[in-house]
Amino acid sequence: DPKIKAQAFGFEVFDANSKRQAAELETDPAKRKAAMEATAKVY
């Protein structure tokens, strides 16, 4: 469906923001850093 496909970029942005928020909540410093680095690549 082209209407849904057109919204894919918005979903990518939402996914990146969700990953950033999840990384911020990580309590283990090593896991937090790894999650932030992975999120940086997404952004």
PDB file of all heavy atoms in Angstrom:
ATOM      1  N   ASP A   1       0.844  -1.192   0.000  1.00  0.00           N
ATOM      2  CA  ASP A   1       0.000   0.000   0.000  1.00  0.00           C
ATOM      3  C   ASP A   1       0.885   1.250   0.000  1.00  0.00           C
ATOM      4  O   ASP A   1       1.651   1.478   0.944  1.00  0.00           O
ATOM      5  CB  ASP A   1      -0.901  -0.007   1.235  1.00  0.00           C
ATOM      6  CG  ASP A   1      -1.908   1.129   1.256  1.00  0.00           C
ATOM      7  OD1 ASP A   1      -1.775   2.072   0.452  1.00  0.00           O
ATOM      8  OD2 ASP A   1      -2.833   1.072   2.090  1.00  0.00           O
ATOM      9  N   PRO A   2       0.803   2.084  -1.028  1.00  0.00           N
ATOM     10  CA  PRO A   2       1.668   3.271  -1.107  1.00  0.00           C
ATOM     11  C   PRO A   2       1.444   4.272   0.034  1.00  0.00           C
ATOM     12  O   PRO A   2       2.372   4.978   0.423  1.00  0.00           O
ATOM     13  CB  PRO A   2       1.343   3.900  -2.461  1.00  0.00           C
ATOM     14  CG  PRO A   2       0.133   3.218  -2.971  1.00  0.00           C
ATOM     15  CD  PRO A   2      -0.049   1.952  -2.192  1.00  0.00           C
ATOM     16  N   LYS A   3       0.237   4.304   0.582  1.00  0.00           N
ATOM     17  CA  LYS A   3      -0.028   5.220   1.704  1.00  0.00           C
ATOM     18  C   LYS A   3       0.755   4.794   2.946  1.00  0.00           C
ATOM     19  O   LYS A   3       1.270   5.637   3.675  1.00  0.00           O
ATOM     20  CB  LYS A   3      -1.526   5.271   2.012  1.00  0.00           C
ATOM     21  CG  LYS A   3      -2.339   5.954   0.944  1.00  0.00           C
ATOM     22  CD  LYS A   3      -3.808   5.967   1.295  1.00  0.00           C
ATOM     23  CE  LYS A   3      -4.622   6.599   0.191  1.00  0.00           C
ATOM     24  NZ  LYS A   3      -6.054   6.568   0.479  1.00  0.00           N
ATOM     25  N   ILE A   4       0.819   3.508   3.182  1.00  0.00           N
ATOM     26  CA  ILE A   4       1.571   2.998   4.332  1.00  0.00           C
ATOM     27  C   ILE A   4       3.067   3.137   4.077  1.00  0.00           C
ATOM     28  O   ILE A   4       3.820   3.543   4.955  1.00  0.00           O
ATOM     29  CB  ILE A   4       1.188   1.536   4.643  1.00  0.00           C
ATOM     30  CG1 ILE A   4      -0.270   1.488   5.131  1.00  0.00           C
ATOM     31  CG2 ILE A   4       2.126   0.925   5.680  1.00  0.00           C
ATOM     32  CD1 ILE A   4      -0.823   0.110   5.342  1.00  0.00           C
ATOM     33  N   LYS A   5       3.488   2.825   2.868  1.00  0.00           N
ATOM     34  CA  LYS A   5       4.904   2.937   2.507  1.00  0.00           C
ATOM     35  C   LYS A   5       5.387   4.377   2.670  1.00  0.00           C
ATOM     36  O   LYS A   5       6.521   4.619   3.073  1.00  0.00           O
ATOM     37  CB  LYS A   5       5.110   2.456   1.074  1.00  0.00           C
ATOM     38  CG  LYS A   5       6.528   2.175   0.723  1.00  0.00           C
ATOM     39  CD  LYS A   5       6.625   1.503  -0.624  1.00  0.00           C
ATOM     40  CE  LYS A   5       7.269   0.173  -0.353  1.00  0.00           C
ATOM     41  NZ  LYS A   5       7.499  -0.639  -1.506  1.00  0.00           N
ATOM     42  N   ALA A   6       4.520   5.341   2.400  1.00  0.00           N
ATOM     43  CA  ALA A   6       4.877   6.751   2.537  1.00  0.00           C
ATOM     44  C   ALA A   6       5.113   7.135   3.999  1.00  0.00           C
ATOM     45  O   ALA A   6       5.800   8.123   4.269  1.00  0.00           O
ATOM     46  CB  ALA A   6       3.784   7.628   1.936  1.00  0.00           C
ATOM     47  N   GLN A   7       4.561   6.371   4.925  1.00  0.00           N
ATOM     48  CA  GLN A   7       4.714   6.657   6.350  1.00  0.00           C
ATOM     49  C   GLN A   7       5.933   5.961   6.963  1.00  0.00           C
ATOM     50  O   GLN A   7       6.217   6.129   8.153  1.00  0.00           O
ATOM     51  CB  GLN A   7       3.459   6.219   7.113  1.00  0.00           C
ATOM     52  CG  GLN A   7       2.196   6.935   6.673  1.00  0.00           C
ATOM     53  CD  GLN A   7       2.277   8.432   6.918  1.00  0.00           C
ATOM     54  OE1 GLN A   7       2.751   8.866   7.950  1.00  0.00           O
ATOM     55  NE2 GLN A   7       1.827   9.213   5.956  1.00  0.00           N
ATOM     56  N   ALA A   8       6.680   5.207   6.169  1.00  0.00           N
ATOM     57  CA  ALA A   8       7.802   4.424   6.688  1.00  0.00           C
ATOM     58  C   ALA A   8       8.858   5.300   7.358  1.00  0.00           C
ATOM     59  O   ALA A   8       9.395   4.937   8.399  1.00  0.00           O
ATOM     60  CB  ALA A   8       8.430   3.593   5.568  1.00  0.00           C
ATOM     61  N   PHE A   9       9.152   6.460   6.787  1.00  0.00           N
ATOM     62  CA  PHE A   9      10.165   7.327   7.385  1.00  0.00           C
ATOM     63  C   PHE A   9       9.727   7.794   8.769  1.00  0.00           C
ATOM     64  O   PHE A   9      10.533   7.833   9.702  1.00  0.00           O
ATOM     65  CB  PHE A   9      10.451   8.534   6.490  1.00  0.00           C
ATOM     66  CG  PHE A   9      11.572   9.381   6.996  1.00  0.00           C
ATOM     67  CD1 PHE A   9      12.881   8.976   6.847  1.00  0.00           C
ATOM     68  CD2 PHE A   9      11.321  10.582   7.640  1.00  0.00           C
ATOM     69  CE1 PHE A   9      13.930   9.743   7.329  1.00  0.00           C
ATOM     70  CE2 PHE A   9      12.355  11.360   8.125  1.00  0.00           C
ATOM     71  CZ  PHE A   9      13.663  10.933   7.971  1.00  0.00           C
ATOM     72  N   GLY A  10       8.473   8.124   8.937  1.00  0.00           N
ATOM     73  CA  GLY A  10       7.947   8.515  10.243  1.00  0.00           C
ATOM     74  C   GLY A  10       8.085   7.396  11.266  1.00  0.00           C
ATOM     75  O   GLY A  10       8.413   7.640  12.429  1.00  0.00           O
ATOM     76  N   PHE A  11       7.876   6.168  10.821  1.00  0.00           N
ATOM     77  CA  PHE A  11       8.060   5.023  11.709  1.00  0.00           C
ATOM     78  C   PHE A  11       9.528   4.871  12.095  1.00  0.00           C
ATOM     79  O   PHE A  11       9.853   4.501  13.226  1.00  0.00           O
ATOM     80  CB  PHE A  11       7.559   3.729  11.059  1.00  0.00           C
ATOM     81  CG  PHE A  11       6.064   3.621  10.962  1.00  0.00           C
ATOM     82  CD1 PHE A  11       5.456   3.268   9.769  1.00  0.00           C
ATOM     83  CD2 PHE A  11       5.253   3.869  12.060  1.00  0.00           C
ATOM     84  CE1 PHE A  11       4.079   3.155   9.673  1.00  0.00           C
ATOM     85  CE2 PHE A  11       3.874   3.760  11.984  1.00  0.00           C
ATOM     86  CZ  PHE A  11       3.284   3.406  10.780  1.00  0.00           C
ATOM     87  N   GLU A  12      10.435   5.151  11.148  1.00  0.00           N
ATOM     88  CA  GLU A  12      11.866   5.079  11.447  1.00  0.00           C
ATOM     89  C   GLU A  12      12.256   6.098  12.509  1.00  0.00           C
ATOM     90  O   GLU A  12      13.045   5.801  13.411  1.00  0.00           O
ATOM     91  CB  GLU A  12      12.686   5.319  10.186  1.00  0.00           C
ATOM     92  CG  GLU A  12      12.669   4.190   9.195  1.00  0.00           C
ATOM     93  CD  GLU A  12      13.530   4.489   7.989  1.00  0.00           C
ATOM     94  OE1 GLU A  12      14.769   4.409   8.119  1.00  0.00           O
ATOM     95  OE2 GLU A  12      12.961   4.810   6.927  1.00  0.00           O
ATOM     96  N   VAL A  13      11.708   7.303  12.406  1.00  0.00           N
ATOM     97  CA  VAL A  13      11.997   8.350  13.390  1.00  0.00           C
ATOM     98  C   VAL A  13      11.460   7.940  14.760  1.00  0.00           C
ATOM     99  O   VAL A  13      12.151   8.078  15.774  1.00  0.00           O
ATOM    100  CB  VAL A  13      11.404   9.706  12.945  1.00  0.00           C
ATOM    101  CG1 VAL A  13      11.582  10.762  14.019  1.00  0.00           C
ATOM    102  CG2 VAL A  13      12.033  10.160  11.633  1.00  0.00           C
ATOM    103  N   PHE A  14      10.253   7.423  14.791  1.00  0.00           N
ATOM    104  CA  PHE A  14       9.658   6.959  16.043  1.00  0.00           C
ATOM    105  C   PHE A  14      10.512   5.845  16.656  1.00  0.00           C
ATOM    106  O   PHE A  14      10.763   5.835  17.870  1.00  0.00           O
ATOM    107  CB  PHE A  14       8.227   6.469  15.802  1.00  0.00           C
ATOM    108  CG  PHE A  14       7.551   5.964  17.037  1.00  0.00           C
ATOM    109  CD1 PHE A  14       6.984   6.839  17.944  1.00  0.00           C
ATOM    110  CD2 PHE A  14       7.502   4.603  17.307  1.00  0.00           C
ATOM    111  CE1 PHE A  14       6.366   6.371  19.104  1.00  0.00           C
ATOM    112  CE2 PHE A  14       6.887   4.134  18.451  1.00  0.00           C
ATOM    113  CZ  PHE A  14       6.320   5.013  19.349  1.00  0.00           C
ATOM    114  N   ASP A  15      10.978   4.922  15.819  1.00  0.00           N
ATOM    115  CA  ASP A  15      11.819   3.824  16.285  1.00  0.00           C
ATOM    116  C   ASP A  15      13.127   4.347  16.881  1.00  0.00           C
ATOM    117  O   ASP A  15      13.558   3.890  17.936  1.00  0.00           O
ATOM    118  CB  ASP A  15      12.098   2.868  15.124  1.00  0.00           C
ATOM    119  CG  ASP A  15      12.887   1.656  15.548  1.00  0.00           C
ATOM    120  OD1 ASP A  15      12.448   0.963  16.478  1.00  0.00           O
ATOM    121  OD2 ASP A  15      13.941   1.394  14.935  1.00  0.00           O
ATOM    122  N   ALA A  16      13.748   5.319  16.226  1.00  0.00           N
ATOM    123  CA  ALA A  16      15.000   5.889  16.738  1.00  0.00           C
ATOM    124  C   ALA A  16      14.775   6.567  18.084  1.00  0.00           C
ATOM    125  O   ALA A  16      15.571   6.398  19.019  1.00  0.00           O
ATOM    126  CB  ALA A  16      15.577   6.886  15.733  1.00  0.00           C
ATOM    127  N   ASN A  17      13.690   7.330  18.194  1.00  0.00           N
ATOM    128  CA  ASN A  17      13.389   8.005  19.465  1.00  0.00           C
ATOM    129  C   ASN A  17      13.108   6.993  20.570  1.00  0.00           C
ATOM    130  O   ASN A  17      13.512   7.191  21.722  1.00  0.00           O
ATOM    131  CB  ASN A  17      12.216   8.966  19.294  1.00  0.00           C
ATOM    132  CG  ASN A  17      12.573  10.183  18.474  1.00  0.00           C
ATOM    133  OD1 ASN A  17      13.721  10.624  18.452  1.00  0.00           O
ATOM    134  ND2 ASN A  17      11.597  10.730  17.784  1.00  0.00           N
ATOM    135  N   SER A  18      12.434   5.906  20.232  1.00  0.00           N
ATOM    136  CA  SER A  18      12.160   4.850  21.223  1.00  0.00           C
ATOM    137  C   SER A  18      13.452   4.184  21.688  1.00  0.00           C
ATOM    138  O   SER A  18      13.624   3.915  22.880  1.00  0.00           O
ATOM    139  CB  SER A  18      11.230   3.795  20.631  1.00  0.00           C
ATOM    140  OG  SER A  18       9.987   4.358  20.304  1.00  0.00           O
ATOM    141  N   LYS A  19      14.362   3.946  20.745  1.00  0.00           N
ATOM    142  CA  LYS A  19      15.646   3.339  21.108  1.00  0.00           C
ATOM    143  C   LYS A  19      16.456   4.277  22.000  1.00  0.00           C
ATOM    144  O   LYS A  19      17.127   3.828  22.930  1.00  0.00           O
ATOM    145  CB  LYS A  19      16.432   2.988  19.851  1.00  0.00           C
ATOM    146  CG  LYS A  19      15.859   1.796  19.123  1.00  0.00           C
ATOM    147  CD  LYS A  19      16.621   1.480  17.858  1.00  0.00           C
ATOM    148  CE  LYS A  19      15.986   0.257  17.198  1.00  0.00           C
ATOM    149  NZ  LYS A  19      16.611  -0.080  15.944  1.00  0.00           N
ATOM    150  N   ARG A  20      16.401   5.572  21.722  1.00  0.00           N
ATOM    151  CA  ARG A  20      17.120   6.541  22.556  1.00  0.00           C
ATOM    152  C   ARG A  20      16.560   6.544  23.971  1.00  0.00           C
ATOM    153  O   ARG A  20      17.301   6.513  24.954  1.00  0.00           O
ATOM    154  CB  ARG A  20      17.031   7.955  21.965  1.00  0.00           C
ATOM    155  CG  ARG A  20      17.742   9.007  22.822  1.00  0.00           C
ATOM    156  CD  ARG A  20      17.620  10.404  22.236  1.00  0.00           C
ATOM    157  NE  ARG A  20      16.272  10.798  21.922  1.00  0.00           N
ATOM    158  CZ  ARG A  20      15.388  11.251  22.804  1.00  0.00           C
ATOM    159  NH1 ARG A  20      15.702  11.360  24.081  1.00  0.00           N
ATOM    160  NH2 ARG A  20      14.177  11.610  22.419  1.00  0.00           N
ATOM    161  N   GLN A  21      15.247   6.551  24.094  1.00  0.00           N
ATOM    162  CA  GLN A  21      14.629   6.542  25.417  1.00  0.00           C
ATOM    163  C   GLN A  21      14.936   5.259  26.172  1.00  0.00           C
ATOM    164  O   GLN A  21      15.189   5.285  27.379  1.00  0.00           O
ATOM    165  CB  GLN A  21      13.121   6.759  25.296  1.00  0.00           C
ATOM    166  CG  GLN A  21      12.777   8.164  24.859  1.00  0.00           C
ATOM    167  CD  GLN A  21      11.289   8.356  24.626  1.00  0.00           C
ATOM    168  OE1 GLN A  21      10.513   7.399  24.597  1.00  0.00           O
ATOM    169  NE2 GLN A  21      10.879   9.596  24.452  1.00  0.00           N
ATOM    170  N   ALA A  22      14.945   4.136  25.472  1.00  0.00           N
ATOM    171  CA  ALA A  22      15.282   2.858  26.116  1.00  0.00           C
ATOM    172  C   ALA A  22      16.735   2.869  26.584  1.00  0.00           C
ATOM    173  O   ALA A  22      17.045   2.386  27.676  1.00  0.00           O
ATOM    174  CB  ALA A  22      15.038   1.702  25.152  1.00  0.00           C
ATOM    175  N   ALA A  23      17.616   3.432  25.766  1.00  0.00           N
ATOM    176  CA  ALA A  23      19.032   3.499  26.159  1.00  0.00           C
ATOM    177  C   ALA A  23      19.212   4.396  27.379  1.00  0.00           C
ATOM    178  O   ALA A  23      20.023   4.099  28.258  1.00  0.00           O
ATOM    179  CB  ALA A  23      19.869   4.016  24.992  1.00  0.00           C
ATOM    180  N   GLU A  24      18.449   5.483  27.455  1.00  0.00           N
ATOM    181  CA  GLU A  24      18.540   6.386  28.601  1.00  0.00           C
ATOM    182  C   GLU A  24      18.131   5.689  29.895  1.00  0.00           C
ATOM    183  O   GLU A  24      18.626   6.029  30.968  1.00  0.00           O
ATOM    184  CB  GLU A  24      17.657   7.619  28.395  1.00  0.00           C
ATOM    185  CG  GLU A  24      18.187   8.585  27.362  1.00  0.00           C
ATOM    186  CD  GLU A  24      17.224   9.726  27.071  1.00  0.00           C
ATOM    187  OE1 GLU A  24      16.054   9.674  27.520  1.00  0.00           O
ATOM    188  OE2 GLU A  24      17.646  10.656  26.376  1.00  0.00           O
ATOM    189  N   LEU A  25      17.246   4.721  29.807  1.00  0.00           N
ATOM    190  CA  LEU A  25      16.748   4.016  30.991  1.00  0.00           C
ATOM    191  C   LEU A  25      17.622   2.842  31.406  1.00  0.00           C
ATOM    192  O   LEU A  25      17.422   2.280  32.481  1.00  0.00           O
ATOM    193  CB  LEU A  25      15.319   3.529  30.744  1.00  0.00           C
ATOM    194  CG  LEU A  25      14.272   4.630  30.538  1.00  0.00           C
ATOM    195  CD1 LEU A  25      12.937   4.019  30.135  1.00  0.00           C
ATOM    196  CD2 LEU A  25      14.129   5.467  31.797  1.00  0.00           C
ATOM    197  N   GLU A  26      18.580   2.482  30.576  1.00  0.00           N
ATOM    198  CA  GLU A  26      19.471   1.360  30.883  1.00  0.00           C
ATOM    199  C   GLU A  26      20.351   1.725  32.073  1.00  0.00           C
ATOM    200  O   GLU A  26      20.965   2.781  32.117  1.00  0.00           O
ATOM    201  CB  GLU A  26      20.335   1.021  29.668  1.00  0.00           C
ATOM    202  CG  GLU A  26      21.288  -0.111  29.879  1.00  0.00           C
ATOM    203  CD  GLU A  26      20.608  -1.413  30.246  1.00  0.00           C
ATOM    204  OE1 GLU A  26      19.766  -1.884  29.463  1.00  0.00           O
ATOM    205  OE2 GLU A  26      20.932  -1.951  31.324  1.00  0.00           O
ATOM    206  N   THR A  27      20.406   0.838  33.071  1.00  0.00           N
ATOM    207  CA  THR A  27      21.176   1.119  34.284  1.00  0.00           C
ATOM    208  C   THR A  27      22.616   0.612  34.220  1.00  0.00           C
ATOM    209  O   THR A  27      23.481   1.154  34.892  1.00  0.00           O
ATOM    210  CB  THR A  27      20.479   0.503  35.514  1.00  0.00           C
ATOM    211  OG1 THR A  27      20.310  -0.898  35.294  1.00  0.00           O
ATOM    212  CG2 THR A  27      19.134   1.170  35.755  1.00  0.00           C
ATOM    213  N   ASP A  28      22.872  -0.406  33.421  1.00  0.00           N
ATOM    214  CA  ASP A  28      24.228  -0.931  33.270  1.00  0.00           C
ATOM    215  C   ASP A  28      25.001   0.010  32.336  1.00  0.00           C
ATOM    216  O   ASP A  28      24.613   0.193  31.177  1.00  0.00           O
ATOM    217  CB  ASP A  28      24.172  -2.335  32.680  1.00  0.00           C
ATOM    218  CG  ASP A  28      25.545  -2.965  32.525  1.00  0.00           C
ATOM    219  OD1 ASP A  28      26.469  -2.283  32.032  1.00  0.00           O
ATOM    220  OD2 ASP A  28      25.687  -4.143  32.884  1.00  0.00           O
ATOM    221  N   PRO A  29      26.090   0.622  32.808  1.00  0.00           N
ATOM    222  CA  PRO A  29      26.824   1.600  31.998  1.00  0.00           C
ATOM    223  C   PRO A  29      27.322   1.056  30.658  1.00  0.00           C
ATOM    224  O   PRO A  29      27.259   1.747  29.641  1.00  0.00           O
ATOM    225  CB  PRO A  29      27.996   2.010  32.891  1.00  0.00           C
ATOM    226  CG  PRO A  29      27.564   1.698  34.275  1.00  0.00           C
ATOM    227  CD  PRO A  29      26.657   0.515  34.163  1.00  0.00           C
ATOM    228  N   ALA A  30      27.796  -0.177  30.629  1.00  0.00           N
ATOM    229  CA  ALA A  30      28.302  -0.748  29.378  1.00  0.00           C
ATOM    230  C   ALA A  30      27.168  -0.972  28.379  1.00  0.00           C
ATOM    231  O   ALA A  30      27.297  -0.667  27.188  1.00  0.00           O
ATOM    232  CB  ALA A  30      29.035  -2.055  29.653  1.00  0.00           C
ATOM    233  N   LYS A  31      26.052  -1.499  28.873  1.00  0.00           N
ATOM    234  CA  LYS A  31      24.895  -1.722  27.999  1.00  0.00           C
ATOM    235  C   LYS A  31      24.316  -0.389  27.526  1.00  0.00           C
ATOM    236  O   LYS A  31      23.875  -0.261  26.390  1.00  0.00           O
ATOM    237  CB  LYS A  31      23.823  -2.530  28.719  1.00  0.00           C
ATOM    238  CG  LYS A  31      24.195  -3.971  28.926  1.00  0.00           C
ATOM    239  CD  LYS A  31      23.080  -4.716  29.635  1.00  0.00           C
ATOM    240  CE  LYS A  31      23.433  -6.158  29.876  1.00  0.00           C
ATOM    241  NZ  LYS A  31      22.376  -6.878  30.598  1.00  0.00           N
ATOM    242  N   ARG A  32      24.308   0.600  28.419  1.00  0.00           N
ATOM    243  CA  ARG A  32      23.800   1.930  28.066  1.00  0.00           C
ATOM    244  C   ARG A  32      24.640   2.535  26.945  1.00  0.00           C
ATOM    245  O   ARG A  32      24.103   3.045  25.964  1.00  0.00           O
ATOM    246  CB  ARG A  32      23.807   2.842  29.291  1.00  0.00           C
ATOM    247  CG  ARG A  32      23.329   4.241  29.003  1.00  0.00           C
ATOM    248  CD  ARG A  32      23.492   5.131  30.252  1.00  0.00           C
ATOM    249  NE  ARG A  32      23.252   6.500  29.933  1.00  0.00           N
ATOM    250  CZ  ARG A  32      22.155   7.172  30.228  1.00  0.00           C
ATOM    251  NH1 ARG A  32      21.180   6.579  30.868  1.00  0.00           N
ATOM    252  NH2 ARG A  32      22.027   8.428  29.890  1.00  0.00           N
ATOM    253  N   LYS A  33      25.963   2.455  27.078  1.00  0.00           N
ATOM    254  CA  LYS A  33      26.843   3.014  26.057  1.00  0.00           C
ATOM    255  C   LYS A  33      26.653   2.300  24.728  1.00  0.00           C
ATOM    256  O   LYS A  33      26.572   2.938  23.674  1.00  0.00           O
ATOM    257  CB  LYS A  33      28.298   2.942  26.501  1.00  0.00           C
ATOM    258  CG  LYS A  33      29.235   3.582  25.508  1.00  0.00           C
ATOM    259  CD  LYS A  33      30.665   3.582  25.979  1.00  0.00           C
ATOM    260  CE  LYS A  33      31.537   4.270  24.924  1.00  0.00           C
ATOM    261  NZ  LYS A  33      32.936   4.184  25.216  1.00  0.00           N
ATOM    262  N   ALA A  34      26.568   0.976  24.760  1.00  0.00           N
ATOM    263  CA  ALA A  34      26.370   0.204  23.529  1.00  0.00           C
ATOM    264  C   ALA A  34      25.044   0.562  22.865  1.00  0.00           C
ATOM    265  O   ALA A  34      24.971   0.716  21.638  1.00  0.00           O
ATOM    266  CB  ALA A  34      26.433  -1.288  23.831  1.00  0.00           C
ATOM    267  N   ALA A  35      24.000   0.714  23.672  1.00  0.00           N
ATOM    268  CA  ALA A  35      22.696   1.073  23.131  1.00  0.00           C
ATOM    269  C   ALA A  35      22.712   2.484  22.547  1.00  0.00           C
ATOM    270  O   ALA A  35      22.125   2.741  21.491  1.00  0.00           O
ATOM    271  CB  ALA A  35      21.623   0.959  24.213  1.00  0.00           C
ATOM    272  N   MET A  36      23.406   3.410  23.213  1.00  0.00           N
ATOM    273  CA  MET A  36      23.508   4.778  22.701  1.00  0.00           C
ATOM    274  C   MET A  36      24.294   4.814  21.387  1.00  0.00           C
ATOM    275  O   MET A  36      23.932   5.537  20.465  1.00  0.00           O
ATOM    276  CB  MET A  36      24.174   5.700  23.723  1.00  0.00           C
ATOM    277  CG  MET A  36      23.282   6.118  24.852  1.00  0.00           C
ATOM    278  SD  MET A  36      21.958   7.203  24.266  1.00  0.00           S
ATOM    279  CE  MET A  36      21.134   7.525  25.807  1.00  0.00           C
ATOM    280  N   GLU A  37      25.361   4.028  21.306  1.00  0.00           N
ATOM    281  CA  GLU A  37      26.152   3.985  20.078  1.00  0.00           C
ATOM    282  C   GLU A  37      25.332   3.410  18.921  1.00  0.00           C
ATOM    283  O   GLU A  37      25.396   3.912  17.797  1.00  0.00           O
ATOM    284  CB  GLU A  37      27.429   3.185  20.292  1.00  0.00           C
ATOM    285  CG  GLU A  37      28.435   3.914  21.167  1.00  0.00           C
ATOM    286  CD  GLU A  37      29.620   3.072  21.582  1.00  0.00           C
ATOM    287  OE1 GLU A  37      29.573   1.835  21.425  1.00  0.00           O
ATOM    288  OE2 GLU A  37      30.602   3.668  22.073  1.00  0.00           O
ATOM    289  N   ALA A  38      24.550   2.380  19.204  1.00  0.00           N
ATOM    290  CA  ALA A  38      23.685   1.802  18.172  1.00  0.00           C
ATOM    291  C   ALA A  38      22.615   2.804  17.745  1.00  0.00           C
ATOM    292  O   ALA A  38      22.306   2.929  16.553  1.00  0.00           O
ATOM    293  CB  ALA A  38      23.041   0.517  18.684  1.00  0.00           C
ATOM    294  N   THR A  39      22.082   3.530  18.706  1.00  0.00           N
ATOM    295  CA  THR A  39      21.062   4.535  18.400  1.00  0.00           C
ATOM    296  C   THR A  39      21.656   5.686  17.595  1.00  0.00           C
ATOM    297  O   THR A  39      21.000   6.217  16.692  1.00  0.00           O
ATOM    298  CB  THR A  39      20.426   5.053  19.709  1.00  0.00           C
ATOM    299  OG1 THR A  39      19.894   3.934  20.426  1.00  0.00           O
ATOM    300  CG2 THR A  39      19.315   6.036  19.438  1.00  0.00           C
ATOM    301  N   ALA A  40      22.886   6.068  17.892  1.00  0.00           N
ATOM    302  CA  ALA A  40      23.556   7.124  17.131  1.00  0.00           C
ATOM    303  C   ALA A  40      23.652   6.730  15.663  1.00  0.00           C
ATOM    304  O   ALA A  40      23.436   7.559  14.767  1.00  0.00           O
ATOM    305  CB  ALA A  40      24.931   7.418  17.706  1.00  0.00           C
ATOM    306  N   LYS A  41      23.935   5.458  15.391  1.00  0.00           N
ATOM    307  CA  LYS A  41      24.022   4.986  14.003  1.00  0.00           C
ATOM    308  C   LYS A  41      22.664   5.067  13.313  1.00  0.00           C
ATOM    309  O   LYS A  41      22.582   5.394  12.126  1.00  0.00           O
ATOM    310  CB  LYS A  41      24.569   3.565  13.966  1.00  0.00           C
ATOM    311  CG  LYS A  41      26.033   3.497  14.339  1.00  0.00           C
ATOM    312  CD  LYS A  41      26.550   2.092  14.312  1.00  0.00           C
ATOM    313  CE  LYS A  41      28.010   2.088  14.763  1.00  0.00           C
ATOM    314  NZ  LYS A  41      28.576   0.752  14.809  1.00  0.00           N
ATOM    315  N   VAL A  42      21.605   4.790  14.053  1.00  0.00           N
ATOM    316  CA  VAL A  42      20.257   4.895  13.480  1.00  0.00           C
ATOM    317  C   VAL A  42      19.964   6.348  13.108  1.00  0.00           C
ATOM    318  O   VAL A  42      19.481   6.638  12.012  1.00  0.00           O
ATOM    319  CB  VAL A  42      19.190   4.355  14.456  1.00  0.00           C
ATOM    320  CG1 VAL A  42      17.789   4.605  13.922  1.00  0.00           C
ATOM    321  CG2 VAL A  42      19.406   2.874  14.721  1.00  0.00           C
ATOM    322  N   TYR A  43      20.280   7.268  14.025  1.00  0.00           N
ATOM    323  CA  TYR A  43      20.069   8.688  13.730  1.00  0.00           C
ATOM    324  C   TYR A  43      20.928   9.145  12.552  1.00  0.00           C
ATOM    325  O   TYR A  43      20.475   9.932  11.716  1.00  0.00           O
ATOM    326  CB  TYR A  43      20.363   9.550  14.960  1.00  0.00           C
ATOM    327  CG  TYR A  43      19.226   9.629  15.934  1.00  0.00           C
ATOM    328  CD1 TYR A  43      19.332   9.085  17.204  1.00  0.00           C
ATOM    329  CD2 TYR A  43      18.039  10.264  15.605  1.00  0.00           C
ATOM    330  CE1 TYR A  43      18.297   9.162  18.118  1.00  0.00           C
ATOM    331  CE2 TYR A  43      16.989  10.345  16.503  1.00  0.00           C
ATOM    332  CZ  TYR A  43      17.121   9.796  17.753  1.00  0.00           C
ATOM    333  OH  TYR A  43      16.076   9.878  18.648  1.00  0.00           O
TER     334      TYR A  43
END
